[in-house]
């Protein structure tokens, strides 16, 4: 009888130990699963936070308005008529232009800009024994559609195109010779107004963390749509400027402030 009781006690004790071991094992598994899930959640949160910080760093404010100062070195070549009626080509020289720019951005990639630029065309050519020098001064007002990759980025690429309206604010020419044999009066007759198509491409580079100060560099061209030459006032004279439209090519460099 005692042996039976002992055997029963052993069996019960063994069962209890086994049950305890199973419970402990299950609890350990649950703890491990909970720990793994917690680590996964923490890692996910870290990834989400990192992505959010990166997006917040890259996505800068889009400034709607722009004001810029420009330096515009430009090359223009014109054709002239000498005293014998022959057409000669003027030497292409670089003229120094200056201007201001006002811009309005509709989105990160599309906007418009209005410019007011001063440009002086300076050319030299031979007219018989005379060395002529011609200067024509313009105020140019291009109104341009601007399409860009993304103006909120540190560096962006863009293109512009639109009409340009020019106003001739003064022109003159000079020449010298030891023996002047001109029988006709040479006259520089230039139309007061000029219309053309302006186009270009360039880069914008942010100069500060706020990206509201920018360096602009690029190319600009103009294709004239009307003849430059004006009407002569007298009979005993000839216009040294050959009938033709104004075409110019150049570059630009400037500082732009965004607001």
Protein backbone atom coordinates (compact mmCIF):
# COMPACT_ATOMS: atom_id res chain seq x y z
CA UNK A 1 0.00 0.00 0.00
CA UNK A 2 2.84 2.36 0.90
CA UNK A 3 4.53 1.54 -2.39
CA UNK A 4 1.36 2.45 -4.28
CA UNK A 5 1.09 5.78 -2.46
CA UNK A 6 4.75 6.54 -3.16
CA UNK A 7 4.35 5.67 -6.83
CA UNK A 8 1.25 7.88 -7.03
CA UNK A 9 3.10 10.78 -5.41
CA UNK A 10 5.99 10.37 -7.79
CA UNK A 11 3.63 10.31 -10.75
CA UNK A 12 1.79 13.42 -9.55
CA UNK A 13 5.06 15.24 -8.85
CA UNK A 14 6.42 14.30 -12.25
CA UNK A 15 3.25 15.47 -13.94
CA UNK A 16 3.45 18.73 -12.03
CA UNK A 17 7.05 19.24 -13.05
CA UNK A 18 6.21 18.46 -16.67
CA UNK A 19 3.26 20.85 -16.63
CA UNK A 20 5.42 23.56 -15.08
CA UNK A 21 8.12 23.00 -17.71
CA UNK A 22 5.56 23.26 -20.51
CA UNK A 23 4.12 26.45 -19.06
CA UNK A 24 7.58 27.96 -18.60
CA UNK A 25 8.50 26.99 -22.15
CA UNK A 26 5.32 28.57 -23.50
CA UNK A 27 5.93 31.72 -21.45
CA UNK A 28 9.52 31.90 -22.75
CA UNK A 29 8.28 31.57 -26.32
CA UNK A 30 5.68 34.28 -25.73
CA UNK A 31 8.32 36.60 -24.22
CA UNK A 32 10.63 36.00 -27.16
CA UNK A 33 7.80 36.62 -29.65
CA UNK A 34 6.82 39.80 -27.80
CA UNK A 35 10.46 40.96 -27.80
CA UNK A 36 10.78 40.25 -31.52
CA UNK A 37 7.54 42.09 -32.26
CA UNK A 38 8.68 45.05 -30.14
CA UNK A 39 12.01 45.19 -32.01
CA UNK A 40 10.19 45.04 -35.34
CA UNK A 41 7.89 47.90 -34.35
CA UNK A 42 10.87 49.96 -33.13
CA UNK A 43 12.77 49.31 -36.36
CA UNK A 44 9.70 50.24 -38.41
CA UNK A 45 9.28 53.45 -36.45
CA UNK A 46 12.94 54.31 -36.91
CA UNK A 47 12.65 53.76 -40.69
CA UNK A 48 9.49 55.87 -40.87
CA UNK A 49 11.10 58.64 -38.83
CA UNK A 50 14.22 58.57 -41.01
CA UNK A 51 12.14 58.80 -44.19
CA UNK A 52 10.07 61.64 -42.71
CA UNK A 53 13.20 63.57 -41.74
CA UNK A 54 14.70 63.03 -45.21
CA UNK A 55 11.51 64.25 -46.88
CA UNK A 56 11.31 67.27 -44.62
CA UNK A 57 14.93 68.08 -45.43
CA UNK A 58 14.48 67.75 -49.20
CA UNK A 59 11.07 69.36 -49.56
CA UNK A 60 11.76 73.06 -49.21
CA UNK A 61 9.28 75.89 -49.45
CA UNK A 62 8.36 77.05 -52.95
CA UNK A 63 8.97 80.79 -53.15
CA UNK A 64 6.37 82.42 -55.40
CA UNK A 65 8.25 85.62 -56.20
CA UNK A 66 11.73 86.30 -57.61
CA UNK A 67 13.87 89.38 -58.17
CA UNK A 68 17.20 89.15 -59.94
CA UNK A 69 20.12 91.18 -61.26
CA UNK A 70 21.70 90.04 -64.52
CA UNK A 71 24.90 90.56 -66.47
CA UNK A 72 24.37 89.77 -70.18
CA UNK A 73 27.39 89.51 -72.48
CA UNK A 74 25.96 89.31 -76.03
CA UNK A 75 27.35 88.73 -79.52
CA UNK A 76 25.57 90.29 -82.52
CA UNK A 77 26.60 90.45 -86.16
CA UNK A 78 25.03 92.94 -88.61
CA UNK A 79 25.35 93.53 -92.33
CA UNK A 80 26.18 97.01 -93.71
CA UNK A 81 26.18 98.73 -97.09
CA UNK A 82 29.22 100.73 -98.23
CA UNK A 83 29.31 103.77 -100.51
CA UNK A 84 29.52 101.52 -103.61
CA UNK A 85 26.36 99.67 -102.65
CA UNK A 86 28.22 96.53 -101.67
CA UNK A 87 27.15 94.55 -98.62
CA UNK A 88 29.85 93.94 -96.02
CA UNK A 89 29.68 92.05 -92.75
CA UNK A 90 30.42 93.78 -89.52
CA UNK A 91 32.82 92.20 -87.07
CA UNK A 92 31.02 90.34 -84.31
CA UNK A 93 31.95 91.93 -81.01
CA UNK A 94 30.80 91.30 -77.46
CA UNK A 95 28.48 93.87 -76.01
CA UNK A 96 27.91 94.20 -72.29
CA UNK A 97 24.31 94.21 -71.18
CA UNK A 98 22.70 94.58 -67.77
CA UNK A 99 19.20 93.97 -66.55
CA UNK A 100 16.71 93.06 -63.88
CA UNK A 101 14.33 90.11 -63.68
CA UNK A 102 10.95 89.67 -61.97
CA UNK A 103 9.56 86.15 -61.72
CA UNK A 104 6.34 84.46 -60.59
CA UNK A 105 6.27 80.71 -59.90
CA UNK A 106 2.98 78.86 -60.34
CA UNK A 107 4.48 75.55 -59.19
CA UNK A 108 7.87 73.90 -58.63
CA UNK A 109 8.28 73.44 -62.39
CA UNK A 110 6.33 76.23 -64.15
CA UNK A 111 6.49 80.01 -63.93
CA UNK A 112 6.83 83.25 -65.88
CA UNK A 113 9.47 85.96 -65.81
CA UNK A 114 9.64 89.52 -67.06
CA UNK A 115 13.01 91.13 -67.77
CA UNK A 116 14.14 94.68 -68.51
CA UNK A 117 17.58 94.62 -70.11
CA UNK A 118 19.93 97.23 -71.54
CA UNK A 119 21.99 96.09 -74.52
CA UNK A 120 24.43 97.96 -76.74
CA UNK A 121 25.30 96.59 -80.18
CA UNK A 122 28.75 97.73 -81.30
CA UNK A 123 30.11 96.86 -84.77
CA UNK A 124 33.05 97.83 -86.98
CA UNK A 125 33.32 97.58 -90.78
CA UNK A 126 35.16 99.04 -93.78
CA UNK A 127 33.40 101.56 -96.01
CA UNK A 128 35.86 102.36 -98.79
CA UNK A 129 38.71 104.17 -97.10
CA UNK A 130 36.66 104.75 -93.98
CA UNK A 131 36.76 102.67 -90.82
CA UNK A 132 33.23 102.84 -89.53
CA UNK A 133 32.04 102.06 -86.02
CA UNK A 134 28.33 101.62 -85.35
CA UNK A 135 26.57 101.63 -81.97
CA UNK A 136 22.87 100.90 -81.38
CA UNK A 137 21.40 100.97 -77.89
CA UNK A 138 18.34 98.95 -76.95
CA UNK A 139 16.08 98.42 -73.99
CA UNK A 140 14.78 94.87 -74.33
CA UNK A 141 11.71 93.55 -72.50
CA UNK A 142 11.28 89.77 -72.84
CA UNK A 143 8.22 88.05 -71.33
CA UNK A 144 9.13 84.39 -70.89
CA UNK A 145 7.51 81.12 -69.96
CA UNK A 146 9.91 79.22 -67.67
CA UNK A 147 9.84 75.43 -67.35
CA UNK A 148 12.18 73.88 -64.75
CA UNK A 149 13.02 70.50 -63.26
CA UNK A 150 12.22 71.58 -59.65
CA UNK A 151 12.98 75.02 -58.22
CA UNK A 152 12.90 73.76 -54.61
CA UNK A 153 15.98 71.59 -55.21
CA UNK A 154 19.55 72.81 -54.53
CA UNK A 155 20.29 72.67 -58.29
CA UNK A 156 17.78 72.76 -61.13
CA UNK A 157 17.80 73.02 -64.93
CA UNK A 158 15.35 75.15 -66.87
CA UNK A 159 14.39 76.49 -70.31
CA UNK A 160 12.63 79.74 -71.25
CA UNK A 161 10.84 80.97 -74.37
CA UNK A 162 8.67 83.95 -75.22
CA UNK A 163 8.34 87.25 -77.10
CA UNK A 164 10.79 90.10 -76.70
CA UNK A 165 10.01 93.76 -77.33
CA UNK A 166 12.89 96.13 -78.01
CA UNK A 167 13.08 99.93 -78.01
CA UNK A 168 15.91 101.75 -79.78
CA UNK A 169 17.03 104.47 -77.35
CA UNK A 170 19.85 105.84 -79.49
CA UNK A 171 22.21 105.00 -82.35
CA UNK A 172 25.26 106.58 -83.93
CA UNK A 173 28.21 105.81 -86.18
CA UNK A 174 31.61 107.36 -86.75
CA UNK A 175 34.50 107.03 -89.20
CA UNK A 176 37.78 108.65 -90.12
CA UNK A 177 39.84 108.96 -93.28
CA UNK A 178 42.69 111.14 -94.56
CA UNK A 179 40.98 111.53 -97.93
CA UNK A 180 37.18 111.49 -97.83
CA UNK A 181 35.80 110.85 -101.32
CA UNK A 182 32.22 110.14 -100.27
CA UNK A 183 29.72 111.61 -102.73
CA UNK A 184 26.69 110.39 -100.74
CA UNK A 185 25.77 110.97 -97.15
CA UNK A 186 25.95 107.81 -95.07
CA UNK A 187 23.02 107.58 -92.67
CA UNK A 188 22.26 105.11 -89.92
CA UNK A 189 18.48 104.72 -89.97
CA UNK A 190 17.14 102.27 -87.39
CA UNK A 191 13.51 101.59 -86.54
CA UNK A 192 12.38 102.75 -83.11
CA UNK A 193 10.75 99.43 -82.21
CA UNK A 194 11.84 95.83 -82.52
CA UNK A 195 10.06 92.52 -81.93
CA UNK A 196 11.68 89.12 -81.64
CA UNK A 197 11.53 85.71 -80.08
CA UNK A 198 13.74 85.08 -77.04
CA UNK A 199 14.79 81.62 -75.90
CA UNK A 200 17.37 80.09 -73.62
CA UNK A 201 18.42 77.48 -71.10
CA UNK A 202 20.36 77.50 -67.87
CA UNK A 203 21.00 76.35 -64.31
CA UNK A 204 19.97 77.67 -60.92
CA UNK A 205 22.17 76.92 -57.89
CA UNK A 206 21.02 77.65 -54.32
CA UNK A 207 23.59 79.59 -52.29
CA UNK A 208 22.13 79.15 -48.77
CA UNK A 209 20.22 76.62 -46.67
CA UNK A 210 16.91 78.43 -47.09
CA UNK A 211 17.43 78.32 -50.88
CA UNK A 212 16.12 81.86 -51.26
CA UNK A 213 19.35 83.22 -52.78
CA UNK A 214 20.33 81.71 -56.10
CA UNK A 215 23.12 81.90 -58.68
CA UNK A 216 21.81 81.76 -62.27
CA UNK A 217 23.97 80.83 -65.28
CA UNK A 218 22.87 80.11 -68.82
CA UNK A 219 22.49 80.85 -72.53
CA UNK A 220 20.15 83.34 -74.17
CA UNK A 221 19.34 83.89 -77.83
CA UNK A 222 17.06 86.30 -79.71
CA UNK A 223 15.63 85.88 -83.20
CA UNK A 224 14.30 89.14 -84.66
CA UNK A 225 10.95 89.12 -86.47
CA UNK A 226 11.04 92.61 -88.06
CA UNK A 227 13.56 94.54 -90.15
CA UNK A 228 15.82 96.85 -88.21
CA UNK A 229 16.45 99.42 -90.95
CA UNK A 230 14.41 102.62 -90.92
CA UNK A 231 13.30 105.09 -93.60
CA UNK A 232 15.73 107.64 -95.07
CA UNK A 233 14.92 111.35 -94.84
CA UNK A 234 16.86 112.64 -97.88
CA UNK A 235 17.63 111.61 -101.49
CA UNK A 236 21.38 112.23 -101.47
CA UNK A 237 22.01 109.60 -98.81
CA UNK A 238 22.10 105.86 -98.23
CA UNK A 239 21.36 103.75 -95.20
CA UNK A 240 24.43 101.88 -94.08
CA UNK A 241 22.22 99.30 -92.35
CA UNK A 242 21.15 96.48 -94.64
CA UNK A 243 17.56 95.29 -94.44
CA UNK A 244 17.46 92.42 -91.97
CA UNK A 245 16.28 91.37 -88.56
CA UNK A 246 18.30 91.44 -85.38
CA UNK A 247 19.80 88.16 -84.19
CA UNK A 248 21.93 87.84 -81.11
CA UNK A 249 23.44 85.11 -78.96
CA UNK A 250 25.00 85.33 -75.57
CA UNK A 251 25.01 84.24 -72.00
CA UNK A 252 23.89 85.51 -68.64
CA UNK A 253 25.01 85.38 -65.04
CA UNK A 254 23.13 86.78 -62.11
CA UNK A 255 21.98 86.68 -58.51
CA UNK A 256 18.31 86.03 -57.77
CA UNK A 257 16.46 86.68 -54.50
CA UNK A 258 13.31 84.64 -53.80
CA UNK A 259 10.41 85.66 -51.59
